[in-house]
Amino acid sequence: MEPDGVTPKPDLVRDESEQVRYLDELMPVFEDEGVDSVFWFSFAGYGTPHRLSGPDPDLASYGIVKILDEHSGYPADGRTYPDMPWEPKEAFHALANRYQASSRRHRTA
């Protein structure tokens, strides 16, 4: 069993785009209620590292970054942050873009 009871199953895993769709559904609700910041479930699924080949346990994680380890197969020269053991997911960028857009709106208001 994976930490936190997460057990990835090939027919039930999500994709990164699904995380972004869910984020896009929730953020307007928070914005309408006047919530100025949120934290997305978790930063990383440390017990579900990313794999470039074979089953990818990371797809069962709500983390906004992919944890990379010696089995991930992710080349250091292809990473956004080569010195970090993680790589941003689509949801990381989507959340960052929302906050950047919100910051611009507040500066011009």
Protein backbone atom coordinates (compact mmCIF):
# COMPACT_ATOMS: atom_id res chain seq x y z
CA MET A 1 0.00 0.00 0.00
CA GLU A 2 1.22 3.50 -0.84
CA PRO A 3 1.45 6.22 1.86
CA ASP A 4 -1.85 7.95 2.65
CA GLY A 5 -3.72 4.93 1.25
CA VAL A 6 -3.04 5.92 -2.37
CA THR A 7 -2.91 2.91 -4.66
CA PRO A 8 -2.69 3.81 -8.35
CA LYS A 9 -4.82 1.64 -10.59
CA PRO A 10 -4.30 1.86 -14.37
CA ASP A 11 -8.00 2.23 -15.16
CA LEU A 12 -8.64 4.85 -12.46
CA VAL A 13 -5.71 7.26 -12.67
CA ARG A 14 -6.10 10.89 -13.56
CA ASP A 15 -4.07 12.89 -16.00
CA GLU A 16 -2.50 16.27 -15.40
CA SER A 17 -5.14 18.00 -17.50
CA GLU A 18 -7.86 16.66 -15.21
CA GLN A 19 -6.13 18.36 -12.27
CA VAL A 20 -6.18 21.64 -14.19
CA ARG A 21 -9.87 21.25 -15.09
CA TYR A 22 -10.70 20.65 -11.43
CA LEU A 23 -8.63 23.67 -10.41
CA ASP A 24 -10.40 25.79 -13.05
CA GLU A 25 -13.77 24.70 -11.66
CA LEU A 26 -12.90 25.50 -8.05
CA MET A 27 -10.96 28.75 -8.34
CA PRO A 28 -13.91 30.91 -9.54
CA VAL A 29 -15.91 29.72 -6.52
CA PHE A 30 -13.14 30.82 -4.17
CA GLU A 31 -12.70 34.11 -6.04
CA ASP A 32 -16.47 34.84 -5.89
CA GLU A 33 -16.36 34.26 -2.13
CA GLY A 34 -13.47 36.69 -1.72
CA VAL A 35 -10.82 34.10 -0.88
CA ASP A 36 -7.55 35.67 -1.97
CA SER A 37 -5.35 32.58 -1.81
CA VAL A 38 -5.59 28.81 -1.62
CA PHE A 39 -3.18 25.92 -1.35
CA TRP A 40 -3.78 23.07 -3.76
CA PHE A 41 -4.15 19.77 -1.81
CA SER A 42 -0.42 19.18 -1.51
CA PHE A 43 2.83 20.30 -3.01
CA ALA A 44 4.02 16.79 -3.83
CA GLY A 45 3.06 13.15 -3.60
CA TYR A 46 6.33 11.95 -2.08
CA GLY A 47 5.14 8.36 -1.93
CA THR A 48 4.10 8.34 -5.60
CA PRO A 49 7.17 9.31 -7.67
CA HIS A 50 6.89 10.07 -11.37
CA ARG A 51 7.90 7.52 -14.02
CA LEU A 52 8.51 8.30 -17.68
CA SER A 53 8.01 4.65 -18.64
CA GLY A 54 5.75 1.98 -17.25
CA PRO A 55 2.99 2.70 -14.77
CA ASP A 56 3.29 6.22 -13.37
CA PRO A 57 2.32 6.27 -9.66
CA ASP A 58 2.38 10.07 -9.75
CA LEU A 59 -0.89 10.10 -11.66
CA ALA A 60 -2.60 9.12 -8.39
CA SER A 61 -1.15 12.18 -6.63
CA TYR A 62 -2.86 15.52 -6.10
CA GLY A 63 0.55 17.18 -5.76
CA ILE A 64 1.27 20.09 -8.08
CA VAL A 65 4.78 18.81 -8.75
CA LYS A 66 6.11 15.42 -9.91
CA ILE A 67 8.58 13.84 -7.50
CA LEU A 68 11.66 12.62 -9.36
CA ASP A 69 13.93 9.91 -8.04
CA GLU A 70 16.64 7.66 -9.47
CA HIS A 71 13.96 5.55 -11.22
CA SER A 72 12.00 8.41 -12.79
CA GLY A 73 14.02 8.50 -16.00
CA TYR A 74 13.69 12.29 -16.20
CA PRO A 75 16.94 13.83 -17.53
CA ALA A 76 18.40 16.62 -15.39
CA ASP A 77 19.06 18.80 -18.46
CA GLY A 78 15.34 18.63 -19.36
CA ARG A 79 14.12 19.87 -15.98
CA THR A 80 12.73 23.29 -15.17
CA TYR A 81 14.73 23.32 -11.91
CA PRO A 82 17.70 20.95 -12.50
CA ASP A 83 18.84 21.08 -8.87
CA MET A 84 15.44 20.14 -7.46
CA PRO A 85 14.04 16.61 -7.08
CA TRP A 86 10.73 17.63 -8.63
CA GLU A 87 9.24 19.00 -11.83
CA PRO A 88 6.19 21.31 -12.01
CA LYS A 89 2.94 19.77 -13.28
CA GLU A 90 0.35 21.54 -15.44
CA ALA A 91 -1.60 22.43 -12.26
CA PHE A 92 1.49 24.19 -10.86
CA HIS A 93 1.61 26.46 -13.90
CA ALA A 94 -2.18 26.94 -13.96
CA LEU A 95 -2.19 28.04 -10.30
CA ALA A 96 0.80 30.33 -10.84
CA ASN A 97 -0.89 31.90 -13.88
CA ARG A 98 -4.10 32.52 -11.90
CA TYR A 99 -2.19 34.25 -9.10
CA GLN A 100 -0.21 36.30 -11.60
CA ALA A 101 -3.42 37.41 -13.33
CA SER A 102 -5.03 38.19 -9.98
CA SER A 103 -2.01 40.25 -8.95
CA ARG A 104 -2.24 42.27 -12.17
CA ARG A 105 -5.96 42.92 -11.60
CA HIS A 106 -5.32 44.17 -8.07
CA ARG A 107 -2.52 46.51 -9.21
CA THR A 108 -4.69 48.13 -11.88
CA ALA A 109 -7.78 48.43 -9.65
